[in-house]
Amino acid sequence: MKHLVVRLLKAIGLVPAGRHATLVQQLRSSEQRVKKLAGEIESLRRLESRNTQLSTLVDEARDQAREWKRQVEDGEKRVQGLEVELRRHLQRIEKLETQIERTAAAYERRVKDLDEWQKRLREAESELTVAREHLMTIEVKLDILEGAANVLDGRTRTVLAPHAAQAGAPR
């Protein structure tokens, strides 16, 4: 019978009070769940937005990491090039040092040779001066001897001239 009354009331759009209270309680519970789910949906939207931002930041970080890797590779290539150039310059420096040592040794030999030649030149000049003095002394002596010979010749001619005239007369 209770079923019959509930059916009749249901047909005219009415429900029993207990059922109404249960439905109201379910409605309130559903509304609370809907509000809770709406809050969770909003949290999920915020998390999704934050996730998108973080994904963008991660992509940017990856791009920056690629750029840094490229710059590091370029730097390493440049360092390798500079190391090759450094080795080439060091070899050039070693060659130049060897050449400088050889040139310095040759210069020292030439300085010694020059000193020796200057010493020999001074000795030769000294000997030349002594020889000139001897030559001048000999020339003076020769001049004296020539003068003496001329005087003797003049005396001899004056003495011999009268004799030669006498010897030449009888002929």
Protein backbone atom coordinates (compact mmCIF):
# COMPACT_ATOMS: atom_id res chain seq x y z
CA MET A 1 0.00 0.00 0.00
CA LYS A 2 2.78 2.36 0.75
CA HIS A 3 4.04 1.76 -2.74
CA LEU A 4 0.72 2.70 -4.14
CA VAL A 5 0.60 6.04 -2.26
CA VAL A 6 4.14 6.85 -3.29
CA ARG A 7 3.22 6.13 -6.90
CA LEU A 8 0.16 8.34 -6.78
CA LEU A 9 2.05 11.20 -5.18
CA LYS A 10 4.80 10.72 -7.71
CA ALA A 11 2.29 10.98 -10.51
CA ILE A 12 1.11 14.39 -9.35
CA GLY A 13 4.75 15.55 -8.81
CA LEU A 14 5.06 15.10 -5.05
CA VAL A 15 7.54 13.01 -3.10
CA PRO A 16 7.56 11.88 0.52
CA ALA A 17 9.41 14.07 3.02
CA GLY A 18 12.09 11.45 3.80
CA ARG A 19 12.76 11.02 0.15
CA HIS A 20 12.85 14.77 -0.29
CA ALA A 21 15.34 15.14 2.57
CA THR A 22 17.50 12.41 1.07
CA LEU A 23 17.38 14.04 -2.36
CA VAL A 24 18.17 17.48 -0.88
CA GLN A 25 21.09 15.94 1.00
CA GLN A 26 22.29 14.22 -2.17
CA LEU A 27 21.85 17.50 -4.06
CA ARG A 28 23.92 19.38 -1.48
CA SER A 29 26.51 16.62 -1.50
CA SER A 30 26.59 16.75 -5.32
CA GLU A 31 26.87 20.56 -5.27
CA GLN A 32 29.80 20.30 -2.83
CA ARG A 33 31.41 17.71 -5.08
CA VAL A 34 30.79 19.95 -8.11
CA LYS A 35 32.38 22.93 -6.26
CA LYS A 36 35.27 20.71 -5.20
CA LEU A 37 35.65 19.40 -8.75
CA ALA A 38 35.45 22.98 -10.11
CA GLY A 39 38.26 23.96 -7.71
CA GLU A 40 40.25 20.96 -8.79
CA ILE A 41 39.56 21.80 -12.46
CA GLU A 42 40.78 25.35 -11.81
CA SER A 43 43.87 23.93 -10.05
CA LEU A 44 44.41 21.61 -13.02
CA ARG A 45 44.06 24.59 -15.42
CA ARG A 46 46.61 26.52 -13.35
CA LEU A 47 48.88 23.46 -13.26
CA GLU A 48 48.42 23.04 -17.00
CA SER A 49 49.29 26.72 -17.54
CA ARG A 50 52.31 26.35 -15.25
CA ASN A 51 53.22 23.13 -17.07
CA THR A 52 53.07 25.03 -20.39
CA GLN A 53 55.28 27.77 -18.94
CA LEU A 54 57.71 25.22 -17.58
CA SER A 55 57.73 23.37 -20.92
CA THR A 56 58.52 26.65 -22.64
CA LEU A 57 61.30 27.31 -20.12
CA VAL A 58 62.64 23.77 -20.60
CA ASP A 59 62.64 24.27 -24.40
CA GLU A 60 64.44 27.58 -23.98
CA ALA A 61 66.93 25.95 -21.62
CA ARG A 62 67.51 23.19 -24.17
CA ASP A 63 68.03 25.78 -26.91
CA GLN A 64 70.46 27.66 -24.66
CA ALA A 65 72.24 24.41 -23.83
CA ARG A 66 72.59 23.66 -27.56
CA GLU A 67 73.93 27.18 -28.13
CA TRP A 68 76.43 26.79 -25.27
CA LYS A 69 77.51 23.41 -26.62
CA ARG A 70 78.04 25.00 -30.03
CA GLN A 71 80.01 27.84 -28.46
CA VAL A 72 82.08 25.34 -26.45
CA GLU A 73 82.79 23.37 -29.65
CA ASP A 74 83.74 26.58 -31.44
CA GLY A 75 85.95 27.54 -28.49
CA GLU A 76 87.60 24.11 -28.48
CA LYS A 77 88.25 24.38 -32.22
CA ARG A 78 89.71 27.84 -31.70
CA VAL A 79 91.88 26.55 -28.83
CA GLN A 80 93.12 23.72 -31.05
CA GLY A 81 93.92 26.22 -33.80
CA LEU A 82 95.73 28.46 -31.33
CA GLU A 83 97.66 25.48 -29.97
CA VAL A 84 98.78 24.58 -33.50
CA GLU A 85 99.78 28.21 -34.08
CA LEU A 86 101.58 28.26 -30.72
CA ARG A 87 103.56 25.13 -31.62
CA ARG A 88 104.46 26.70 -34.97
CA HIS A 89 105.61 29.89 -33.26
CA LEU A 90 107.62 27.90 -30.70
CA GLN A 91 109.36 26.01 -33.52
CA ARG A 92 110.06 29.33 -35.24
CA ILE A 93 111.45 30.72 -31.96
CA GLU A 94 113.71 27.67 -31.58
CA LYS A 95 114.99 28.11 -35.16
CA LEU A 96 115.58 31.80 -34.55
CA GLU A 97 117.39 31.08 -31.28
CA THR A 98 119.64 28.59 -33.10
CA GLN A 99 120.26 31.13 -35.85
CA ILE A 100 121.00 33.83 -33.25
CA GLU A 101 123.47 31.52 -31.50
CA ARG A 102 125.22 30.78 -34.81
CA THR A 103 125.27 34.46 -35.71
CA ALA A 104 126.59 35.37 -32.24
CA ALA A 105 129.35 32.75 -32.56
CA ALA A 106 130.25 34.06 -36.03
CA TYR A 107 130.21 37.62 -34.68
CA GLU A 108 132.50 36.64 -31.80
CA ARG A 109 134.90 34.97 -34.25
CA ARG A 110 134.86 38.07 -36.43
CA VAL A 111 135.47 40.31 -33.40
CA LYS A 112 138.45 38.13 -32.42
CA ASP A 113 139.70 38.18 -36.02
CA LEU A 114 139.23 41.97 -36.13
CA ASP A 115 141.13 42.36 -32.86
CA GLU A 116 143.92 40.18 -34.24
CA TRP A 117 144.00 42.12 -37.52
CA GLN A 118 144.05 45.43 -35.62
CA LYS A 119 146.91 44.15 -33.49
CA ARG A 120 148.78 43.04 -36.60
CA LEU A 121 148.04 46.38 -38.26
CA ARG A 122 149.42 48.28 -35.25
CA GLU A 123 152.51 46.06 -35.31
CA ALA A 124 152.88 46.64 -39.07
CA GLU A 125 152.45 50.39 -38.60
CA SER A 126 155.06 50.33 -35.86
CA GLU A 127 157.43 48.33 -38.04
CA LEU A 128 156.70 50.68 -40.97
CA THR A 129 157.51 53.70 -38.80
CA VAL A 130 160.79 52.07 -37.70
CA ALA A 131 161.58 51.16 -41.34
CA ARG A 132 160.85 54.74 -42.47
CA GLU A 133 163.12 56.11 -39.78
CA HIS A 134 165.86 53.68 -40.86
CA LEU A 135 165.25 54.66 -44.50
CA MET A 136 165.44 58.35 -43.63
CA THR A 137 168.65 57.70 -41.72
CA ILE A 138 170.06 55.79 -44.72
CA GLU A 139 168.94 58.59 -47.08
CA VAL A 140 170.65 61.17 -44.88
CA LYS A 141 173.81 59.03 -44.86
CA LEU A 142 173.54 58.60 -48.64
CA ASP A 143 173.10 62.35 -49.03
CA ILE A 144 176.20 62.89 -46.87
CA LEU A 145 178.12 60.28 -48.88
CA GLU A 146 176.90 61.83 -52.14
CA GLY A 147 177.96 65.25 -50.93
CA ALA A 148 181.32 63.84 -49.87
CA ALA A 149 181.68 62.09 -53.22
CA ASN A 150 180.89 65.31 -55.03
CA VAL A 151 183.44 67.21 -52.97
CA LEU A 152 186.02 64.48 -53.52
CA ASP A 153 185.20 64.41 -57.23
CA GLY A 154 185.57 68.18 -57.42
CA ARG A 155 188.91 68.05 -55.62
CA THR A 156 190.07 65.17 -57.74
CA ARG A 157 189.13 66.99 -60.90
CA THR A 158 190.90 70.15 -59.86
CA VAL A 159 194.01 68.17 -59.10
CA LEU A 160 193.74 66.03 -62.20
CA ALA A 161 192.72 68.77 -64.60
CA PRO A 162 196.21 70.36 -64.81
CA HIS A 163 197.69 66.90 -65.26
CA ALA A 164 195.25 66.05 -67.96
CA ALA A 165 196.07 69.25 -69.75
CA GLN A 166 199.75 68.44 -69.65
CA ALA A 167 199.22 64.93 -70.77
CA GLY A 168 197.04 66.03 -73.59
CA ALA A 169 199.51 68.71 -74.91
CA PRO A 170 202.14 66.55 -76.53
CA ARG A 171 199.91 64.75 -78.61
